[in-house]
Amino acid sequence: MGEIKVSVVAFGDRRYLQMQYTDPLTGRKKTRSTGTTDSGEAVKAAGKWEAELREGRYHEPLKMTWEQFTERYDREVLSGLSPRSQQQAMTLFNKVKAILNPLRLRDLTAERISFFQATLREKKLSENSIEGYSAYLRAALNWAETIGLLPKAPKIQRPKRAKSSKGMKGRPITREEFERMLAKVEEVVDEKVANDAHEKAAAKDDERAASSWQHYLEGLWCSGLRLEESLELWWDRDDRLRVDLSGELPMLRIPAELEKGHKDRVLPMAPEFAEFLSRTPENDRTGRVFKPKPKRVHGDRLGKDWVSKIVSRIGKAANVKVNTDPRTGAVKYASAHDLRRSFGERWASRIMPQVLMELMRHESIETTLRYYVGRNAHNTAKVLWEAHKRLAVGNTFGNTRQNQASDTTTTEAAITSRDSLS
C-alpha cells in the first residue's frame, strides 16, 4: 500500500483552500476544506489530516462509529483533563451506550438525547446529575462539530428544575446527633462473635474496623471534606490531595493535574482539623489519611459508594433524620455530606462568607450564601429574641424602680402635708 500524502490545492469555485490525497486502496482522490484562505494555516491543516490518515485515526465524519468517537475523544480531550473529569465523562459514555446504544456518532440526535435525559429521570437520578451528564455530552458533541466530525452538534435541552424552596436534601446535624452516630459505629460495622480462639481474633479485626470508622467520621466532622476528597487525602504524595504540616500554618495542597484550572493550589485547613491530624503519630503519617476498614477483609479498600452507604447506615442506626419526602414520606438519614454541612454551618457563624467560600471550596459565593450562611437565620432569630427578652426584663425592672420612687415621693408628700396641718 502506498504512502498517504496530503497536498494543499486551490479551486476557483471554492471559498477556502482545499487539501487532497489519493486513496492508496481505490486510487480515487479525496478532498476536504482546510477552512482557511491562509496558505500557512492550510499547510498545517493538511499535515494534521495526513497524520490522522497514516495513523488510522481519521474516519469520514458521518461514518464514524460511537466507539471510534469515544476512543478519539478520550485520547485527544479527556487525557488533558483531571482524573475526576475523565471518570465522569467515561461514565456518561457508558450510560449513553447502555440506554441509546448508538451505532454511529450521527445517531446522537436532539430527539434521542431528550429520550436519554427522560430515561435517567425515570431511573430516579437527581436533576443535578442529569444536568451534569448533559453538560459533558454537550461539550463532547460541540467538540465533534468543531473538528468536523459532525456538520452541526444537536441542541441539548437543559433539564427544567421544579420550583422548590428547599435548598438542601439534608441538613446540618447537631453535636449530640453526631455523638449518637459515633456510638452506633460498632453496631453497624462489627458483629458479635463467640469466645473461641479463632473468633476472638476475628473480634480484634472487627474492633480495629470500628475504630477506623470512628476516626473517619471524626475527620469528616472537623474537616468539611467531601467524601471523595476524604478518601483521596494523602500524607505523603505530591501528585494527590495531601496534608502539608511543614509551613507556618497547616494547609491542604492540590496538584495541577487534579484541578480544573490546571494550577497547583494551596487550600486553608480548619484549625480543628489540624488538631485532629496532629493526634496521629509521626511514624504513622504515611499513605492515605483515612483508611476505613472493610470488616474482615485484609489488604482491600472500600470504594466511595460503599463508604457512602456505610455512613448512611450509621446515620440510620443512630436515628438521625435529616429530611422527609413530603410526597412519599421516605426518610433520609444522615450521610457523609451532612457532616460537611454541619462543618459549614459551624464556621458560618465565625467567619465572613468570602472566607467560608474558600474554606468550603465552593465555585461561587452564591452556593456559600444559599447553603450555609442563609441557614443561620434561625440562630440569628434566637439571638434577636434573647436580646428582646433581656430588654423586656430591663424595662420591667426599670418600671418597678420608677414605681417605687413614685410611691416614696407620694409618701413623703403626705408626711409633709400632715406636719403642716398639725
Protein backbone atom coordinates (compact mmCIF):
# COMPACT_ATOMS: atom_id res chain seq x y z
CA MET A 1 0.00 0.00 0.00
CA GLY A 2 1.36 3.38 -0.99
CA GLU A 3 2.13 6.12 1.47
CA ILE A 4 -0.55 8.77 2.02
CA LYS A 5 0.48 12.31 1.09
CA VAL A 6 -1.90 15.24 1.60
CA SER A 7 -1.40 18.35 -0.53
CA VAL A 8 -2.95 21.80 -0.46
CA VAL A 9 -4.85 22.72 -3.62
CA ALA A 10 -6.89 25.72 -4.74
CA PHE A 11 -10.12 25.58 -6.71
CA GLY A 12 -11.52 28.74 -8.24
CA ASP A 13 -15.07 27.94 -7.19
CA ARG A 14 -14.20 27.21 -3.55
CA ARG A 15 -14.03 29.87 -0.85
CA TYR A 16 -11.25 28.15 1.11
CA LEU A 17 -8.09 26.31 0.15
CA GLN A 18 -8.60 22.56 -0.10
CA MET A 19 -6.48 19.58 0.97
CA GLN A 20 -6.37 16.46 -1.14
CA TYR A 21 -4.83 12.97 -1.25
CA THR A 22 -5.11 9.85 -3.36
CA ASP A 23 -6.59 6.83 -1.59
CA PRO A 24 -3.97 4.05 -1.99
CA LEU A 25 -6.69 1.37 -1.92
CA THR A 26 -9.06 2.78 -4.53
CA GLY A 27 -6.86 5.24 -6.42
CA ARG A 28 -9.56 7.88 -6.00
CA LYS A 29 -8.78 11.42 -4.90
CA LYS A 30 -10.39 12.64 -1.69
CA THR A 31 -10.73 16.29 -0.86
CA ARG A 32 -11.58 18.32 2.26
CA SER A 33 -11.72 22.03 3.00
CA THR A 34 -8.95 23.47 5.14
CA GLY A 35 -11.36 26.09 6.46
CA THR A 36 -8.91 28.91 5.70
CA THR A 37 -7.58 31.10 2.90
CA ASP A 38 -4.17 31.43 4.57
CA SER A 39 -1.63 29.15 2.87
CA GLY A 40 0.39 28.61 6.05
CA GLU A 41 -2.65 27.57 8.08
CA ALA A 42 -3.79 25.37 5.20
CA VAL A 43 -0.45 23.53 5.17
CA LYS A 44 -0.80 22.91 8.94
CA ALA A 45 -4.31 21.54 8.46
CA ALA A 46 -3.09 19.27 5.66
CA GLY A 47 -0.25 17.98 7.83
CA LYS A 48 -2.65 17.18 10.67
CA TRP A 49 -5.04 15.35 8.34
CA GLU A 50 -2.15 13.41 6.81
CA ALA A 51 -1.00 12.28 10.28
CA GLU A 52 -4.53 11.16 11.19
CA LEU A 53 -4.81 9.18 7.96
CA ARG A 54 -1.44 7.48 8.36
CA GLU A 55 -2.12 6.55 11.98
CA GLY A 56 -5.63 5.30 11.25
CA ARG A 57 -7.26 7.94 13.43
CA TYR A 58 -9.35 9.59 10.73
CA HIS A 59 -12.86 8.46 9.85
CA GLU A 60 -15.23 10.15 7.47
CA PRO A 61 -17.44 12.32 9.69
CA LEU A 62 -20.85 10.79 9.08
CA LYS A 63 -19.47 7.23 9.12
CA MET A 64 -17.66 7.46 12.46
CA THR A 65 -18.99 4.91 14.95
CA TRP A 66 -19.80 5.80 18.55
CA GLU A 67 -16.92 3.62 19.81
CA GLN A 68 -14.46 5.31 17.44
CA PHE A 69 -15.63 8.72 18.62
CA THR A 70 -15.35 7.94 22.34
CA GLU A 71 -11.88 6.47 21.85
CA ARG A 72 -10.72 9.55 19.98
CA TYR A 73 -12.32 11.95 22.48
CA ASP A 74 -10.64 10.08 25.30
CA ARG A 75 -7.24 10.30 23.60
CA GLU A 76 -7.41 13.90 22.36
CA VAL A 77 -9.52 15.66 25.01
CA LEU A 78 -10.02 13.70 28.21
CA SER A 79 -6.33 12.85 28.54
CA GLY A 80 -5.68 16.54 29.29
CA LEU A 81 -8.36 16.80 32.00
CA SER A 82 -8.33 15.84 35.67
CA PRO A 83 -8.90 12.17 36.63
CA ARG A 84 -12.29 13.12 38.09
CA SER A 85 -13.41 14.71 34.79
CA GLN A 86 -12.13 11.71 32.83
CA GLN A 87 -14.06 9.34 35.06
CA GLN A 88 -17.31 11.33 34.84
CA ALA A 89 -17.09 11.62 31.05
CA MET A 90 -16.49 7.88 30.63
CA THR A 91 -19.40 7.16 32.99
CA LEU A 92 -21.56 9.30 30.70
CA PHE A 93 -20.37 7.45 27.59
CA ASN A 94 -21.18 4.11 29.23
CA LYS A 95 -24.70 5.31 30.10
CA VAL A 96 -25.25 6.55 26.54
CA LYS A 97 -24.16 3.14 25.27
CA ALA A 98 -26.42 1.29 27.72
CA ILE A 99 -29.54 3.41 27.12
CA LEU A 100 -29.28 4.56 23.48
CA ASN A 101 -26.78 2.05 22.02
CA PRO A 102 -25.90 4.36 19.09
CA LEU A 103 -24.17 2.70 16.15
CA ARG A 104 -22.72 5.92 14.75
CA LEU A 105 -21.93 9.33 16.18
CA ARG A 106 -24.58 10.89 13.92
CA ASP A 107 -27.25 8.81 15.73
CA LEU A 108 -26.99 11.20 18.70
CA THR A 109 -29.86 13.47 17.61
CA ALA A 110 -31.66 16.01 19.79
CA GLU A 111 -34.64 13.65 19.98
CA ARG A 112 -32.54 10.69 21.18
CA ILE A 113 -30.73 12.84 23.71
CA SER A 114 -34.09 14.03 25.09
CA PHE A 115 -35.07 10.37 25.47
CA PHE A 116 -31.75 9.73 27.23
CA GLN A 117 -32.49 12.51 29.76
CA ALA A 118 -36.01 11.19 30.36
CA THR A 119 -34.68 7.68 30.98
CA LEU A 120 -32.19 8.97 33.54
CA ARG A 121 -35.07 10.74 35.29
CA GLU A 122 -37.11 7.51 35.30
CA LYS A 123 -34.14 5.81 36.95
CA LYS A 124 -34.50 8.35 39.81
CA LEU A 125 -31.32 10.28 39.08
CA SER A 126 -31.33 13.77 40.53
CA GLU A 127 -31.72 16.81 38.30
CA ASN A 128 -28.19 17.83 39.29
CA SER A 129 -26.85 14.52 37.97
CA ILE A 130 -28.86 14.79 34.74
CA GLU A 131 -27.59 18.32 34.18
CA GLY A 132 -24.03 17.14 34.83
CA TYR A 133 -24.28 14.35 32.26
CA SER A 134 -25.93 16.73 29.78
CA ALA A 135 -23.07 19.21 30.19
CA TYR A 136 -20.42 16.55 29.47
CA LEU A 137 -22.35 15.30 26.44
CA ARG A 138 -22.84 18.86 25.17
CA ALA A 139 -19.09 19.53 25.43
CA ALA A 140 -18.22 16.31 23.58
CA LEU A 141 -20.63 16.91 20.70
CA ASN A 142 -19.62 20.56 20.37
CA TRP A 143 -16.02 19.38 20.05
CA ALA A 144 -17.11 16.92 17.37
CA GLU A 145 -18.66 19.81 15.41
CA THR A 146 -15.57 21.99 15.88
CA ILE A 147 -13.20 19.48 14.31
CA GLY A 148 -15.61 18.45 11.55
CA LEU A 149 -16.88 15.09 12.85
CA LEU A 150 -20.45 16.44 12.84
CA PRO A 151 -21.92 19.06 10.49
CA LYS A 152 -23.76 20.53 13.48
CA ALA A 153 -23.96 19.45 17.12
CA PRO A 154 -27.51 18.61 18.25
CA LYS A 155 -29.12 21.04 20.65
CA ILE A 156 -29.29 19.62 24.17
CA GLN A 157 -32.05 20.99 26.36
CA ARG A 158 -31.20 21.85 29.95
CA PRO A 159 -33.38 19.93 32.42
CA LYS A 160 -36.17 22.10 33.79
CA ARG A 161 -35.98 22.18 37.54
CA ALA A 162 -39.12 22.04 39.60
CA LYS A 163 -39.54 25.13 41.70
CA SER A 164 -38.79 24.46 45.32
CA SER A 165 -37.85 26.47 48.33
CA LYS A 166 -35.83 23.62 49.70
CA GLY A 167 -32.12 24.37 49.46
CA MET A 168 -30.71 21.05 50.65
CA LYS A 169 -31.52 17.36 50.51
CA GLY A 170 -30.34 17.10 54.09
CA ARG A 171 -29.41 19.42 56.92
CA PRO A 172 -26.52 20.09 59.28
CA ILE A 173 -26.63 17.76 62.26
CA THR A 174 -26.01 18.71 65.88
CA ARG A 175 -23.11 17.64 68.08
CA GLU A 176 -25.44 15.40 70.07
CA GLU A 177 -26.61 13.67 66.87
CA PHE A 178 -23.02 13.22 65.74
CA GLU A 179 -22.12 11.57 69.06
CA ARG A 180 -25.07 9.22 68.62
CA MET A 181 -23.62 8.24 65.24
CA LEU A 182 -20.21 7.55 66.80
CA ALA A 183 -21.89 5.36 69.40
CA LYS A 184 -23.54 3.28 66.66
CA VAL A 185 -20.41 2.63 64.60
CA GLU A 186 -19.57 -0.64 66.32
CA GLU A 187 -23.13 -1.92 65.90
CA VAL A 188 -23.10 -1.24 62.14
CA VAL A 189 -19.50 -2.17 61.29
CA ASP A 190 -18.92 -5.06 63.69
CA GLU A 191 -20.81 -8.20 64.60
CA LYS A 192 -20.94 -10.25 67.79
CA VAL A 193 -18.64 -13.25 67.97
CA ALA A 194 -18.32 -16.25 70.23
CA ASN A 195 -15.49 -16.87 72.66
CA ASP A 196 -13.35 -19.45 70.89
CA ALA A 197 -9.79 -18.51 69.88
CA HIS A 198 -10.48 -18.18 66.17
CA GLU A 199 -13.40 -15.81 66.65
CA LYS A 200 -11.53 -13.81 69.28
CA ALA A 201 -9.01 -12.97 66.58
CA ALA A 202 -11.88 -12.01 64.30
CA ALA A 203 -13.25 -9.82 67.08
CA LYS A 204 -9.97 -7.91 67.22
CA ASP A 205 -10.23 -7.32 63.48
CA ASP A 206 -13.76 -6.03 64.00
CA GLU A 207 -12.58 -3.75 66.79
CA ARG A 208 -9.93 -2.25 64.52
CA ALA A 209 -12.54 -1.81 61.77
CA ALA A 210 -14.88 0.06 64.13
CA SER A 211 -12.04 2.26 65.34
CA SER A 212 -11.11 3.16 61.75
CA TRP A 213 -14.69 4.20 61.02
CA GLN A 214 -14.94 6.33 64.17
CA HIS A 215 -11.70 8.01 63.14
CA TYR A 216 -13.12 8.59 59.66
CA LEU A 217 -16.37 10.14 60.92
CA GLU A 218 -14.47 12.46 63.26
CA GLY A 219 -12.29 13.53 60.34
CA LEU A 220 -15.35 14.35 58.21
CA TRP A 221 -16.90 16.28 61.10
CA CYS A 222 -13.93 18.59 61.65
CA SER A 223 -12.54 18.89 58.09
CA GLY A 224 -15.50 19.77 55.87
CA LEU A 225 -14.08 17.47 53.16
CA ARG A 226 -16.30 15.95 50.53
CA LEU A 227 -16.48 12.16 50.65
CA GLU A 228 -14.34 11.68 47.52
CA GLU A 229 -11.78 14.19 48.78
CA SER A 230 -11.53 12.46 52.14
CA LEU A 231 -10.82 9.07 50.58
CA GLU A 232 -8.09 10.56 48.36
CA LEU A 233 -6.36 12.65 51.03
CA TRP A 234 -2.72 11.58 51.49
CA TRP A 235 0.04 12.27 53.95
CA ASP A 236 2.95 11.87 51.54
CA ARG A 237 2.02 12.00 47.83
CA ASP A 238 2.74 15.18 45.89
CA ASP A 239 0.56 14.04 42.97
CA ARG A 240 -2.56 13.81 45.14
CA LEU A 241 -4.56 15.97 47.53
CA ARG A 242 -2.31 15.94 50.57
CA VAL A 243 -1.76 17.33 54.03
CA ASP A 244 1.06 19.87 54.43
CA LEU A 245 2.13 20.46 58.02
CA SER A 246 5.57 21.82 57.13
CA GLY A 247 4.77 25.53 56.95
CA GLU A 248 3.80 28.16 59.46
CA LEU A 249 0.16 27.05 59.25
CA PRO A 250 -1.26 23.62 58.29
CA MET A 251 -2.60 23.57 54.72
CA LEU A 252 -4.00 21.26 52.05
CA ARG A 253 -2.28 21.02 48.66
CA ILE A 254 -3.83 20.03 45.32
CA PRO A 255 -1.55 19.33 42.32
CA ALA A 256 -2.33 20.92 38.95
CA GLU A 257 -3.35 17.63 37.31
CA LEU A 258 -6.28 17.28 39.73
CA GLU A 259 -7.52 20.84 39.29
CA LYS A 260 -9.84 22.19 36.58
CA GLY A 261 -7.61 25.24 36.21
CA HIS A 262 -4.50 23.04 35.90
CA LYS A 263 -2.65 25.01 38.58
CA ASP A 264 -1.20 23.90 41.88
CA ARG A 265 -3.37 25.16 44.72
CA VAL A 266 -2.87 25.62 48.43
CA LEU A 267 -6.06 25.47 50.49
CA PRO A 268 -6.74 26.59 54.05
CA MET A 269 -7.29 23.96 56.73
CA ALA A 270 -9.64 24.43 59.67
CA PRO A 271 -7.74 24.59 63.00
CA GLU A 272 -9.90 21.81 64.47
CA PHE A 273 -8.89 19.52 61.59
CA ALA A 274 -5.22 20.39 62.09
CA GLU A 275 -5.56 19.46 65.77
CA PHE A 276 -7.27 16.22 64.78
CA LEU A 277 -4.42 15.34 62.39
CA SER A 278 -1.77 16.17 64.99
CA ARG A 279 -3.03 13.27 67.11
CA THR A 280 -1.66 10.84 64.50
CA PRO A 281 1.88 9.75 65.50
CA GLU A 282 4.51 10.94 63.02
CA ASN A 283 5.57 7.37 62.22
CA ASP A 284 2.02 6.62 61.08
CA ARG A 285 1.76 9.60 58.72
CA THR A 286 2.09 7.60 55.51
CA GLY A 287 -0.33 6.62 52.79
CA ARG A 288 -3.93 7.78 52.91
CA VAL A 289 -5.06 9.80 55.90
CA PHE A 290 -8.36 7.89 56.18
CA LYS A 291 -8.48 4.13 55.88
CA PRO A 292 -11.96 2.92 56.88
CA LYS A 293 -11.52 -0.84 57.02
CA PRO A 294 -13.78 -3.42 55.44
CA LYS A 295 -14.80 -5.93 58.08
CA ARG A 296 -12.51 -8.99 57.98
CA VAL A 297 -11.13 -8.16 54.53
CA HIS A 298 -7.38 -7.70 54.60
CA GLY A 299 -5.45 -5.53 52.16
CA ASP A 300 -8.57 -4.25 50.42
CA ARG A 301 -10.16 -0.81 50.15
CA LEU A 302 -13.80 0.12 50.04
CA GLY A 303 -14.94 2.25 47.12
CA LYS A 304 -16.66 5.59 47.62
CA ASP A 305 -20.13 4.12 47.02
CA TRP A 306 -19.70 1.55 49.78
CA VAL A 307 -18.25 4.12 52.16
CA SER A 308 -21.22 6.39 51.47
CA LYS A 309 -23.66 3.55 52.17
CA ILE A 310 -21.99 2.58 55.42
CA VAL A 311 -22.02 6.18 56.72
CA SER A 312 -25.73 6.39 55.87
CA ARG A 313 -26.35 3.09 57.67
CA ILE A 314 -24.65 4.54 60.74
CA GLY A 315 -26.89 7.62 60.47
CA LYS A 316 -29.95 5.37 60.26
CA ALA A 317 -28.86 3.24 63.22
CA ALA A 318 -28.45 6.46 65.24
CA ASN A 319 -31.91 7.61 64.02
CA VAL A 320 -30.53 10.93 62.79
CA LYS A 321 -33.21 12.07 60.32
CA VAL A 322 -32.19 14.93 58.04
CA ASN A 323 -35.12 15.06 55.61
CA THR A 324 -38.53 13.56 54.87
CA ASP A 325 -40.07 13.49 51.40
CA PRO A 326 -43.46 15.26 51.75
CA ARG A 327 -44.93 13.17 48.93
CA THR A 328 -43.79 9.67 49.83
CA GLY A 329 -42.87 10.05 53.49
CA ALA A 330 -39.47 8.46 52.76
CA VAL A 331 -36.95 9.38 55.43
CA LYS A 332 -33.37 10.37 54.61
CA TYR A 333 -30.83 9.69 57.34
CA ALA A 334 -27.56 11.49 58.00
CA SER A 335 -24.88 10.98 55.35
CA ALA A 336 -21.27 11.99 54.85
CA HIS A 337 -22.40 15.20 53.16
CA ASP A 338 -24.50 16.16 56.17
CA LEU A 339 -21.31 16.11 58.25
CA ARG A 340 -19.86 18.57 55.71
CA ARG A 341 -22.99 20.71 56.07
CA SER A 342 -22.50 20.73 59.84
CA PHE A 343 -18.92 21.90 59.40
CA GLY A 344 -20.09 24.70 57.09
CA GLU A 345 -22.81 25.89 59.46
CA ARG A 346 -20.47 25.97 62.45
CA TRP A 347 -17.93 28.09 60.59
CA ALA A 348 -20.59 30.33 59.04
CA SER A 349 -21.16 31.88 62.47
CA ARG A 350 -17.42 32.57 62.93
CA ILE A 351 -16.11 33.92 59.61
CA MET A 352 -17.19 36.11 56.70
CA PRO A 353 -18.90 34.50 53.66
CA GLN A 354 -15.91 35.04 51.34
CA VAL A 355 -13.62 33.23 53.78
CA LEU A 356 -16.18 30.46 54.23
CA MET A 357 -16.39 30.08 50.45
CA GLU A 358 -12.65 29.39 50.26
CA LEU A 359 -12.73 27.09 53.27
CA MET A 360 -15.58 25.04 51.73
CA ARG A 361 -14.02 25.20 48.23
CA HIS A 362 -17.25 26.37 46.59
CA GLU A 363 -17.08 27.54 42.99
CA SER A 364 -19.30 30.57 43.67
CA ILE A 365 -20.27 32.73 46.62
CA GLU A 366 -23.93 32.07 45.79
CA THR A 367 -23.51 28.45 46.84
CA THR A 368 -21.99 29.53 50.13
CA LEU A 369 -24.75 32.03 50.86
CA ARG A 370 -27.54 29.69 49.83
CA TYR A 371 -26.46 26.56 51.61
CA TYR A 372 -24.80 27.82 54.76
CA VAL A 373 -24.99 31.47 55.69
CA GLY A 374 -28.71 31.56 54.94
CA ARG A 375 -29.32 28.71 57.35
CA ASN A 376 -28.09 30.88 60.22
CA ALA A 377 -31.32 32.89 60.05
CA HIS A 378 -32.74 30.63 62.77
CA ASN A 379 -29.72 31.24 65.01
CA THR A 380 -29.91 34.97 64.31
CA ALA A 381 -33.59 34.96 65.22
CA LYS A 382 -32.75 33.27 68.54
CA VAL A 383 -30.20 35.98 69.31
CA LEU A 384 -32.77 38.68 68.49
CA TRP A 385 -35.40 37.17 70.77
CA GLU A 386 -32.92 36.70 73.59
CA ALA A 387 -31.96 40.37 73.28
CA HIS A 388 -35.63 41.30 73.25
CA LYS A 389 -36.24 39.29 76.43
CA ARG A 390 -33.30 40.98 78.17
CA LEU A 391 -34.69 44.38 77.15
CA ALA A 392 -38.13 43.41 78.41
CA VAL A 393 -36.68 42.31 81.76
CA GLY A 394 -34.74 45.58 81.98
CA ASN A 395 -37.87 47.58 81.25
CA THR A 396 -39.81 45.67 83.91
CA PHE A 397 -37.05 46.30 86.44
CA GLY A 398 -36.93 49.98 85.47
CA ASN A 399 -40.68 50.33 85.81
CA THR A 400 -40.52 48.71 89.24
CA ARG A 401 -37.83 51.16 90.35
CA GLN A 402 -39.81 54.03 88.91
CA ASN A 403 -42.97 52.92 90.70
CA GLN A 404 -41.03 52.52 93.95
CA ALA A 405 -39.63 56.06 93.56
CA SER A 406 -43.11 57.39 92.83
CA ASP A 407 -44.50 55.68 95.95
CA THR A 408 -41.72 57.17 98.07
CA THR A 409 -42.40 60.68 96.74
CA THR A 410 -46.10 60.28 97.42
CA THR A 411 -45.43 59.12 100.99
CA GLU A 412 -43.01 61.99 101.67
CA ALA A 413 -45.54 64.48 100.33
CA ALA A 414 -48.22 63.07 102.58
CA ILE A 415 -45.99 63.33 105.64
CA THR A 416 -45.10 66.97 104.81
CA SER A 417 -48.76 67.79 104.37
CA ARG A 418 -49.63 66.16 107.67
CA ASP A 419 -46.88 68.07 109.55
CA SER A 420 -48.01 71.38 108.10
CA LEU A 421 -51.57 70.73 109.17
CA SER A 422 -50.53 69.94 112.73
